[in-house]
Amino acid sequence: MDLDLLAPYLTPRHHALVDELRGVAEAVEHLPVEHSDDGARRQARELVTLLGESRLPRLAMPAAFGGEAAGDDRPDLRGCCLARDVLASASPLVDSVFALQCLGSMPVTLGISDDLRGRFLPKVIAGELMAAFAMTEPDAGSDVSSLTTRAVRDGGDWLLDGTKHLITNAGVADFYCVLAKTDPDAGTRGMTLFLVEAGTPGLHFAKAQVLSEPHPLGEIRFEGCRIPDRQRLSEVGRGFHLAMQTLDRLRPTVAAAACGMAARALREALHHANGRRQFGVALAEQPMIQEKLAQMAIELDAARLLTFRAAAKADGGAAAVTAEAAKAKAFATEAAQRIVDSAVQVIGGRGCLQEHPVDRLYRAVRALRIYEGATEIQYLVIARSLIRSVG
C-alpha cells in the first residue's frame, strides 16, 4: 500500500494500524485456501476468532463498548478502509468475515438499545460472536421497498415470518439484524429492524447458496419466529432509515476491499511480468504489457484516493458523504474488475488455474459490484446529487 499517496488522509494512529494489519494478513496468508462451501464455513468461524484476538472489529465500534469509534458512534472509517484494503489483498474470505463483523453490528451500534450494545458489541470485538445483516429477499434486492418479510405484534413480542436470501454468514452467524415490514401499507416508512439470535425457535437455515469463490452465504427462513420487543433495534417504522444509515456509513469500505483485491492482482502481474520471458525478453519489457501495468496502477491510485477522501470526510464529522461514498464504490469496484482481468491476461493460462491467487480474485471481485448497492444504483445516487446541486 502506498501510504505516501494517502498521507493527506491518514493520522499517525492509522500508520501504526497498517503495521498491525500486515501482521494479521501474514497470519491469514498461511491458512489453506478453502474451495468448498463446508470448508469456507469452518474457516470463517476460525477467522472470527483470529480477528477477535487482534480486536480489529473495534474499528467500527463505540469506545464505550471497547471500540475506537468517534464520540457520536461513527466508525473509524479510515481504519475500517485500511483493514479491508490490507485483508482483502491477503484473503477475500477474511475480508468478508471482517466486513460482516462491522456491517452486522452497525445497526446495534446505531440502534435504540443500550442493553443490546452492552450484550453484543464487546463479544463481537473479542471474536466470541459472529454477526450477519439480513435485508435481501428473493424478490427484494435493490428495491428494498418490495420486501415481504413481516413482523406482527403479539403482546409484548413480535412474530416474524418471511425469507431472506443471499445472506452472508447464514447458518453460521450467532445473530442476525433483520429488516421486516411492520406496516405493509407504509412503504419504507413501515419497516423495523430486529436482532434475532441464532437458535431462536422459528428461525431456520433453509439452504446454502454456493459462490464460485466460497464464503458462507445462504437463505434463512422465519416461521412464527417470536422476538421480544427488547430486541427491536429501531423505532417502529424507522428500520429502513437505520438500515440505510448502516450501509451509507460502511459503503466506502467496499471500495477499500476492491482496492485491496486490485493491489494484489497488480502485484501478481508485476511478479509474473518480471520473471517470465517471451520472445527473448521479459514480459515487463514489452510495450503492450507495460501499457497494461500502467493502466492498472493509475486506476488503483484513483480508486484509493476516492475511497479515502470519502472516509476522511466521514471521519471529519460530515453530516453525509452519500455522493462521495457512491463515487468511491462505483469507481473502485468497476476498476478492480478491470485490474484483476488485466492481471489474468498478463499472467496467461496460469492465471486461470484454481490454485492461482488471481483466479481466486477474479471470482471474488465480481460480487463487489453488486452487494451493498449495485454500481447502477450508485450512478443514480451520484446523478441525483448533481441535479440537486444546481436545482
Protein backbone atom coordinates (compact mmCIF):
# COMPACT_ATOMS: atom_id res chain seq x y z
CA MET A 1 0.00 0.00 0.00
CA ASP A 2 1.35 3.42 -0.98
CA LEU A 3 0.97 5.33 2.28
CA ASP A 4 2.55 8.45 0.72
CA LEU A 5 -0.40 8.59 -1.69
CA LEU A 6 -2.82 8.53 1.23
CA ALA A 7 -0.77 10.78 3.54
CA PRO A 8 -3.24 13.71 3.40
CA TYR A 9 -5.96 11.43 4.78
CA LEU A 10 -4.11 9.45 7.47
CA THR A 11 -3.02 10.15 11.04
CA PRO A 12 -0.06 8.61 12.93
CA ARG A 13 -2.55 6.21 14.52
CA HIS A 14 -3.53 4.95 11.07
CA HIS A 15 0.10 4.39 10.12
CA ALA A 16 0.52 2.25 13.24
CA LEU A 17 -2.66 0.37 12.34
CA VAL A 18 -1.20 -0.60 8.95
CA ASP A 19 1.69 -2.38 10.69
CA GLU A 20 -0.82 -4.26 12.86
CA LEU A 21 -2.89 -5.19 9.82
CA ARG A 22 0.12 -6.52 7.97
CA GLY A 23 0.77 -8.91 10.86
CA VAL A 24 -2.79 -10.22 10.65
CA ALA A 25 -2.54 -10.52 6.87
CA GLU A 26 0.66 -12.57 7.14
CA ALA A 27 -1.06 -14.97 9.52
CA VAL A 28 -4.03 -15.32 7.18
CA GLU A 29 -1.87 -15.96 4.11
CA HIS A 30 -0.53 -19.12 5.74
CA LEU A 31 -4.02 -20.62 6.05
CA PRO A 32 -5.14 -23.15 3.43
CA VAL A 33 -7.42 -21.85 0.69
CA GLU A 34 -10.82 -23.50 1.01
CA HIS A 35 -12.56 -24.46 -2.24
CA SER A 36 -15.73 -25.97 -0.73
CA ASP A 37 -18.68 -24.32 0.97
CA ASP A 38 -18.29 -26.50 4.07
CA GLY A 39 -14.60 -25.68 4.29
CA ALA A 40 -15.22 -21.95 3.90
CA ARG A 41 -17.85 -22.06 6.67
CA ARG A 42 -15.46 -23.77 9.06
CA GLN A 43 -12.63 -21.39 8.23
CA ALA A 44 -14.89 -18.34 8.56
CA ARG A 45 -15.59 -19.25 12.18
CA GLU A 46 -11.85 -19.67 12.77
CA LEU A 47 -11.25 -16.24 11.25
CA VAL A 48 -13.79 -14.65 13.60
CA THR A 49 -11.62 -15.91 16.46
CA LEU A 50 -8.42 -14.69 14.78
CA LEU A 51 -9.89 -11.22 14.22
CA GLY A 52 -11.06 -11.23 17.82
CA GLU A 53 -7.52 -11.90 19.03
CA SER A 54 -6.41 -8.69 17.28
CA ARG A 55 -9.70 -6.95 18.20
CA LEU A 56 -9.94 -5.48 14.69
CA PRO A 57 -13.75 -5.13 14.79
CA ARG A 58 -13.11 -2.39 17.37
CA LEU A 59 -12.61 -0.01 14.45
CA ALA A 60 -16.36 0.10 13.85
CA MET A 61 -17.49 0.10 17.49
CA PRO A 62 -18.17 2.83 20.08
CA ALA A 63 -15.36 3.46 22.55
CA ALA A 64 -17.76 2.90 25.44
CA PHE A 65 -18.03 -0.77 24.45
CA GLY A 66 -14.36 -1.43 23.74
CA GLY A 67 -14.09 0.10 20.28
CA GLU A 68 -12.41 3.11 18.68
CA ALA A 69 -15.38 4.87 17.10
CA ALA A 70 -15.79 8.62 17.32
CA GLY A 71 -17.74 10.14 20.17
CA ASP A 72 -21.00 10.15 18.22
CA ASP A 73 -20.53 6.46 17.42
CA ARG A 74 -19.26 6.95 13.88
CA PRO A 75 -16.84 4.15 12.96
CA ASP A 76 -13.18 4.93 12.37
CA LEU A 77 -13.93 4.71 8.68
CA ARG A 78 -10.36 5.27 7.55
CA GLY A 79 -9.30 2.48 9.89
CA CYS A 80 -12.01 0.19 8.52
CA CYS A 81 -10.95 1.01 4.97
CA LEU A 82 -7.30 0.29 5.73
CA ALA A 83 -8.34 -3.01 7.28
CA ARG A 84 -10.40 -4.11 4.30
CA ASP A 85 -7.72 -2.99 1.82
CA VAL A 86 -4.98 -4.99 3.57
CA LEU A 87 -7.13 -8.01 4.45
CA ALA A 88 -8.77 -8.32 1.00
CA SER A 89 -5.32 -8.39 -0.55
CA ALA A 90 -4.43 -11.34 1.68
CA SER A 91 -7.72 -13.26 1.51
CA PRO A 92 -11.20 -12.43 0.18
CA LEU A 93 -12.64 -14.68 2.89
CA VAL A 94 -11.04 -12.86 5.82
CA ASP A 95 -12.17 -9.58 4.27
CA SER A 96 -15.73 -10.90 4.13
CA VAL A 97 -15.57 -12.01 7.77
CA PHE A 98 -14.23 -8.64 8.94
CA ALA A 99 -16.77 -6.74 6.82
CA LEU A 100 -19.71 -8.64 8.28
CA GLN A 101 -18.50 -8.19 11.84
CA CYS A 102 -18.76 -4.46 11.11
CA LEU A 103 -21.90 -4.48 8.96
CA GLY A 104 -23.83 -6.90 11.14
CA SER A 105 -23.01 -4.91 14.27
CA MET A 106 -23.55 -1.39 12.95
CA PRO A 107 -27.36 -1.48 13.45
CA VAL A 108 -26.69 -2.42 17.07
CA THR A 109 -24.28 0.50 17.41
CA LEU A 110 -26.69 2.97 15.81
CA GLY A 111 -29.85 1.47 17.26
CA ILE A 112 -32.00 2.44 20.21
CA SER A 113 -30.93 -0.15 22.78
CA ASP A 114 -28.03 0.36 25.19
CA ASP A 115 -28.76 -3.10 26.55
CA LEU A 116 -28.15 -4.74 23.16
CA ARG A 117 -24.99 -2.71 22.66
CA GLY A 118 -23.66 -3.88 26.01
CA ARG A 119 -24.61 -7.51 25.39
CA PHE A 120 -23.34 -7.93 21.84
CA LEU A 121 -20.67 -5.41 20.83
CA PRO A 122 -17.88 -6.42 23.26
CA LYS A 123 -18.33 -10.06 22.25
CA VAL A 124 -18.13 -9.19 18.55
CA ILE A 125 -14.90 -7.30 19.16
CA ALA A 126 -13.49 -10.24 21.10
CA GLY A 127 -14.39 -12.74 18.37
CA GLU A 128 -16.92 -14.53 20.56
CA LEU A 129 -19.92 -13.73 18.35
CA MET A 130 -20.37 -13.76 14.56
CA ALA A 131 -22.73 -11.17 13.06
CA ALA A 132 -24.98 -11.06 9.99
CA PHE A 133 -27.15 -8.47 8.25
CA ALA A 134 -30.37 -9.81 6.69
CA MET A 135 -32.13 -7.47 4.29
CA THR A 136 -32.12 -9.04 0.80
CA GLU A 137 -35.01 -11.31 -0.26
CA PRO A 138 -35.73 -13.38 -3.37
CA ASP A 139 -37.88 -10.54 -4.77
CA ALA A 140 -36.29 -7.59 -2.98
CA GLY A 141 -32.73 -6.60 -3.85
CA SER A 142 -32.05 -3.02 -4.90
CA ASP A 143 -35.76 -2.28 -4.43
CA VAL A 144 -35.92 -2.67 -0.66
CA SER A 145 -39.50 -1.40 -0.57
CA SER A 146 -40.69 -4.67 -2.11
CA LEU A 147 -39.54 -6.91 0.75
CA THR A 148 -42.25 -9.17 2.15
CA THR A 149 -40.86 -10.40 5.49
CA ARG A 150 -43.47 -9.41 8.10
CA ALA A 151 -43.31 -8.70 11.81
CA VAL A 152 -46.65 -8.60 13.65
CA ARG A 153 -47.17 -7.56 17.25
CA ASP A 154 -48.23 -10.28 19.65
CA GLY A 155 -48.50 -8.84 23.15
CA GLY A 156 -45.04 -7.70 24.16
CA ASP A 157 -43.40 -9.69 21.36
CA TRP A 158 -43.25 -9.73 17.56
CA LEU A 159 -43.90 -12.70 15.28
CA LEU A 160 -41.58 -12.76 12.31
CA ASP A 161 -42.40 -14.56 9.03
CA GLY A 162 -40.57 -14.48 5.72
CA THR A 163 -37.47 -15.47 3.79
CA LYS A 164 -34.09 -13.76 3.39
CA HIS A 165 -31.57 -14.92 0.82
CA LEU A 166 -28.03 -14.16 -0.32
CA ILE A 167 -27.23 -13.54 3.34
CA THR A 168 -23.55 -13.69 4.23
CA ASN A 169 -22.88 -15.84 7.31
CA ALA A 170 -26.31 -17.50 7.00
CA GLY A 171 -26.18 -20.69 9.01
CA VAL A 172 -23.02 -19.80 10.94
CA ALA A 173 -23.82 -16.39 12.47
CA ASP A 174 -24.69 -16.04 16.14
CA PHE A 175 -27.15 -13.22 15.46
CA TYR A 176 -28.88 -11.51 12.54
CA CYS A 177 -30.01 -7.92 12.14
CA VAL A 178 -33.28 -8.41 10.24
CA LEU A 179 -35.34 -5.82 8.36
CA ALA A 180 -39.07 -6.58 8.27
CA LYS A 181 -42.31 -4.81 7.40
CA THR A 182 -44.39 -3.85 10.41
CA ASP A 183 -46.85 -1.74 8.37
CA PRO A 184 -47.20 -3.18 4.86
CA ASP A 185 -49.09 -0.12 3.61
CA ALA A 186 -46.47 2.44 4.63
CA GLY A 187 -43.69 1.57 2.18
CA THR A 188 -40.20 2.22 3.50
CA ARG A 189 -41.73 4.04 6.49
CA GLY A 190 -43.37 0.82 7.61
CA MET A 191 -40.20 -1.20 8.27
CA THR A 192 -38.49 -2.09 11.54
CA LEU A 193 -35.12 -3.66 12.36
CA PHE A 194 -34.83 -6.53 14.85
CA LEU A 195 -31.97 -8.51 16.34
CA VAL A 196 -32.62 -12.26 16.06
CA GLU A 197 -30.30 -14.68 17.81
CA ALA A 198 -29.35 -17.99 16.23
CA GLY A 199 -31.28 -20.82 17.80
CA THR A 200 -34.44 -18.77 18.25
CA PRO A 201 -37.43 -21.07 17.60
CA GLY A 202 -38.88 -20.32 14.18
CA LEU A 203 -35.55 -19.24 12.66
CA HIS A 204 -34.36 -21.84 10.12
CA PHE A 205 -31.25 -22.07 7.97
CA ALA A 206 -33.00 -23.03 4.74
CA LYS A 207 -30.03 -23.73 2.47
CA ALA A 208 -26.52 -22.76 1.49
CA GLN A 209 -26.08 -20.64 -1.63
CA VAL A 210 -22.67 -21.51 -3.03
CA LEU A 211 -20.48 -18.93 -4.72
CA SER A 212 -17.73 -19.73 -7.20
CA GLU A 213 -15.36 -18.20 -4.59
CA PRO A 214 -16.83 -19.79 -1.46
CA HIS A 215 -17.76 -17.85 1.60
CA PRO A 216 -20.72 -18.55 3.89
CA LEU A 217 -23.83 -17.46 2.03
CA GLY A 218 -27.35 -18.75 2.23
CA GLU A 219 -31.06 -18.46 2.79
CA ILE A 220 -32.79 -18.18 6.15
CA ARG A 221 -36.50 -18.54 6.85
CA PHE A 222 -38.70 -17.23 9.65
CA GLU A 223 -41.84 -19.11 10.59
CA GLY A 224 -43.68 -17.62 13.56
CA CYS A 225 -40.32 -16.57 14.99
CA ARG A 226 -41.06 -14.86 18.32
CA ILE A 227 -38.88 -11.82 19.04
CA PRO A 228 -39.15 -9.87 22.31
CA ASP A 229 -39.72 -6.16 21.82
CA ARG A 230 -36.47 -5.50 23.73
CA GLN A 231 -34.63 -6.89 20.68
CA ARG A 232 -36.04 -4.21 18.43
CA LEU A 233 -33.12 -2.18 17.05
CA SER A 234 -35.06 0.75 15.59
CA GLU A 235 -38.12 2.75 16.43
CA VAL A 236 -41.18 1.11 14.87
CA GLY A 237 -41.32 2.23 11.26
CA ARG A 238 -37.72 3.54 11.25
CA GLY A 239 -35.96 0.34 10.27
CA PHE A 240 -35.33 1.36 6.67
CA HIS A 241 -33.69 4.57 7.88
CA LEU A 242 -31.42 2.61 10.24
CA ALA A 243 -30.55 0.08 7.52
CA MET A 244 -29.63 2.86 5.07
CA GLN A 245 -27.55 4.60 7.76
CA THR A 246 -25.67 1.35 8.22
CA LEU A 247 -24.98 0.90 4.52
CA ASP A 248 -24.08 4.57 3.95
CA ARG A 249 -21.55 4.58 6.77
CA LEU A 250 -19.76 1.44 5.63
CA ARG A 251 -20.09 1.74 1.83
CA PRO A 252 -16.58 3.23 1.38
CA THR A 253 -15.16 0.07 2.93
CA VAL A 254 -16.47 -1.96 -0.02
CA ALA A 255 -14.42 0.31 -2.26
CA ALA A 256 -11.43 -0.33 0.01
CA ALA A 257 -11.84 -4.09 -0.34
CA ALA A 258 -11.88 -3.65 -4.11
CA CYS A 259 -8.63 -1.69 -3.85
CA GLY A 260 -7.04 -4.48 -1.83
CA MET A 261 -8.01 -7.13 -4.37
CA ALA A 262 -6.80 -4.92 -7.22
CA ALA A 263 -3.48 -4.27 -5.46
CA ARG A 264 -2.87 -8.00 -5.02
CA ALA A 265 -3.70 -8.59 -8.69
CA LEU A 266 -1.26 -5.87 -9.76
CA ARG A 267 1.49 -7.36 -7.56
CA GLU A 268 0.94 -10.81 -9.02
CA ALA A 269 1.00 -9.41 -12.57
CA LEU A 270 4.22 -7.48 -11.90
CA HIS A 271 5.90 -10.51 -10.36
CA HIS A 272 4.97 -12.65 -13.33
CA ALA A 273 5.90 -10.00 -15.92
CA ASN A 274 9.35 -9.52 -14.40
CA GLY A 275 10.10 -13.23 -14.21
CA ARG A 276 8.52 -14.55 -17.42
CA ARG A 277 10.46 -14.35 -20.69
CA GLN A 278 8.77 -14.46 -24.06
CA PHE A 279 10.32 -13.80 -27.46
CA GLY A 280 13.72 -13.38 -25.84
CA VAL A 281 12.83 -10.66 -23.31
CA ALA A 282 10.95 -10.33 -20.03
CA LEU A 283 7.25 -9.67 -20.42
CA ALA A 284 7.77 -6.48 -18.39
CA GLU A 285 9.92 -5.07 -21.20
CA GLN A 286 7.21 -5.45 -23.83
CA PRO A 287 5.33 -2.19 -24.53
CA MET A 288 1.86 -3.76 -24.58
CA ILE A 289 2.42 -5.29 -21.15
CA GLN A 290 3.84 -2.01 -19.84
CA GLU A 291 0.70 -0.22 -21.00
CA LYS A 292 -1.50 -2.70 -19.13
CA LEU A 293 0.54 -2.37 -15.95
CA ALA A 294 0.45 1.42 -16.15
CA GLN A 295 -3.31 1.48 -16.61
CA MET A 296 -3.75 -0.87 -13.65
CA ALA A 297 -1.59 1.35 -11.42
CA ILE A 298 -3.38 4.56 -12.43
CA GLU A 299 -6.82 3.10 -11.76
CA LEU A 300 -5.72 1.69 -8.40
CA ASP A 301 -4.36 5.05 -7.23
CA ALA A 302 -7.51 6.85 -8.37
CA ALA A 303 -9.72 4.30 -6.60
CA ARG A 304 -7.80 4.63 -3.34
CA LEU A 305 -7.94 8.42 -3.44
CA LEU A 306 -11.72 8.41 -3.96
CA THR A 307 -12.11 5.84 -1.18
CA PHE A 308 -10.07 7.64 1.45
CA ARG A 309 -11.49 11.02 0.50
CA ALA A 310 -14.94 9.71 1.39
CA ALA A 311 -13.69 8.02 4.56
CA ALA A 312 -11.79 11.09 5.77
CA LYS A 313 -14.78 13.35 5.17
CA ALA A 314 -17.00 11.00 7.19
CA ASP A 315 -14.44 10.77 9.99
CA GLY A 316 -14.26 14.57 10.00
CA GLY A 317 -17.89 14.76 11.07
CA ALA A 318 -19.65 15.46 7.77
CA ALA A 319 -23.41 15.07 8.10
CA ALA A 320 -23.48 12.90 4.95
CA VAL A 321 -20.98 11.52 2.46
CA THR A 322 -23.55 9.70 0.35
CA ALA A 323 -22.33 11.02 -3.00
CA GLU A 324 -18.65 10.66 -2.13
CA ALA A 325 -19.18 7.10 -0.95
CA ALA A 326 -21.17 6.27 -4.09
CA LYS A 327 -18.38 7.62 -6.31
CA ALA A 328 -15.79 5.61 -4.40
CA LYS A 329 -17.74 2.36 -4.52
CA ALA A 330 -18.77 2.68 -8.16
CA PHE A 331 -15.30 3.57 -9.43
CA ALA A 332 -13.25 1.28 -7.20
CA THR A 333 -15.29 -1.86 -7.75
CA GLU A 334 -15.51 -1.38 -11.52
CA ALA A 335 -11.79 -0.53 -11.71
CA ALA A 336 -10.90 -3.57 -9.59
CA GLN A 337 -12.78 -5.82 -12.01
CA ARG A 338 -10.74 -4.38 -14.89
CA ILE A 339 -7.46 -4.62 -12.97
CA VAL A 340 -8.00 -8.25 -11.98
CA ASP A 341 -9.00 -9.13 -15.53
CA SER A 342 -5.85 -7.44 -16.85
CA ALA A 343 -3.76 -9.41 -14.35
CA VAL A 344 -5.19 -12.65 -15.68
CA GLN A 345 -4.37 -11.51 -19.20
CA VAL A 346 -0.76 -10.66 -18.28
CA ILE A 347 -0.23 -13.95 -16.44
CA GLY A 348 -1.96 -16.01 -19.12
CA GLY A 349 -3.19 -19.57 -18.68
CA ARG A 350 -1.69 -19.98 -15.23
CA GLY A 351 -3.91 -17.16 -14.03
CA CYS A 352 -6.96 -19.28 -14.85
CA LEU A 353 -5.88 -22.18 -12.66
CA GLN A 354 -7.86 -22.59 -9.46
CA GLU A 355 -4.81 -22.55 -7.23
CA HIS A 356 -3.51 -19.23 -8.60
CA PRO A 357 -4.27 -16.13 -6.48
CA VAL A 358 -5.57 -14.09 -9.40
CA ASP A 359 -8.12 -16.76 -10.28
CA ARG A 360 -9.43 -16.53 -6.74
CA LEU A 361 -9.52 -12.73 -7.04
CA TYR A 362 -11.30 -13.00 -10.40
CA ARG A 363 -14.10 -14.97 -8.76
CA ALA A 364 -14.22 -12.86 -5.59
CA VAL A 365 -14.14 -9.36 -7.05
CA ARG A 366 -17.30 -9.70 -9.13
CA ALA A 367 -19.70 -9.61 -6.20
CA LEU A 368 -18.39 -6.23 -5.01
CA ARG A 369 -20.07 -4.52 -7.96
CA ILE A 370 -23.44 -5.80 -6.71
CA TYR A 371 -23.67 -6.02 -2.93
CA GLU A 372 -24.38 -3.02 -0.67
CA GLY A 373 -25.74 -1.14 -3.66
CA ALA A 374 -25.05 -2.17 -7.25
CA THR A 375 -22.99 0.15 -9.46
CA GLU A 376 -26.12 1.25 -11.29
CA ILE A 377 -27.69 2.36 -8.01
CA GLN A 378 -24.54 4.32 -7.16
CA TYR A 379 -24.80 6.10 -10.50
CA LEU A 380 -28.37 7.13 -9.63
CA VAL A 381 -27.21 8.45 -6.25
CA ILE A 382 -24.41 10.47 -7.88
CA ALA A 383 -26.64 11.85 -10.62
CA ARG A 384 -29.36 12.90 -8.18
CA SER A 385 -26.77 14.66 -6.05
CA LEU A 386 -25.53 16.56 -9.08
CA ILE A 387 -29.04 17.57 -10.11
CA ARG A 388 -29.89 18.79 -6.60
CA SER A 389 -26.70 20.86 -6.53
CA VAL A 390 -27.88 23.02 -9.45
CA GLY A 391 -31.63 22.83 -8.74
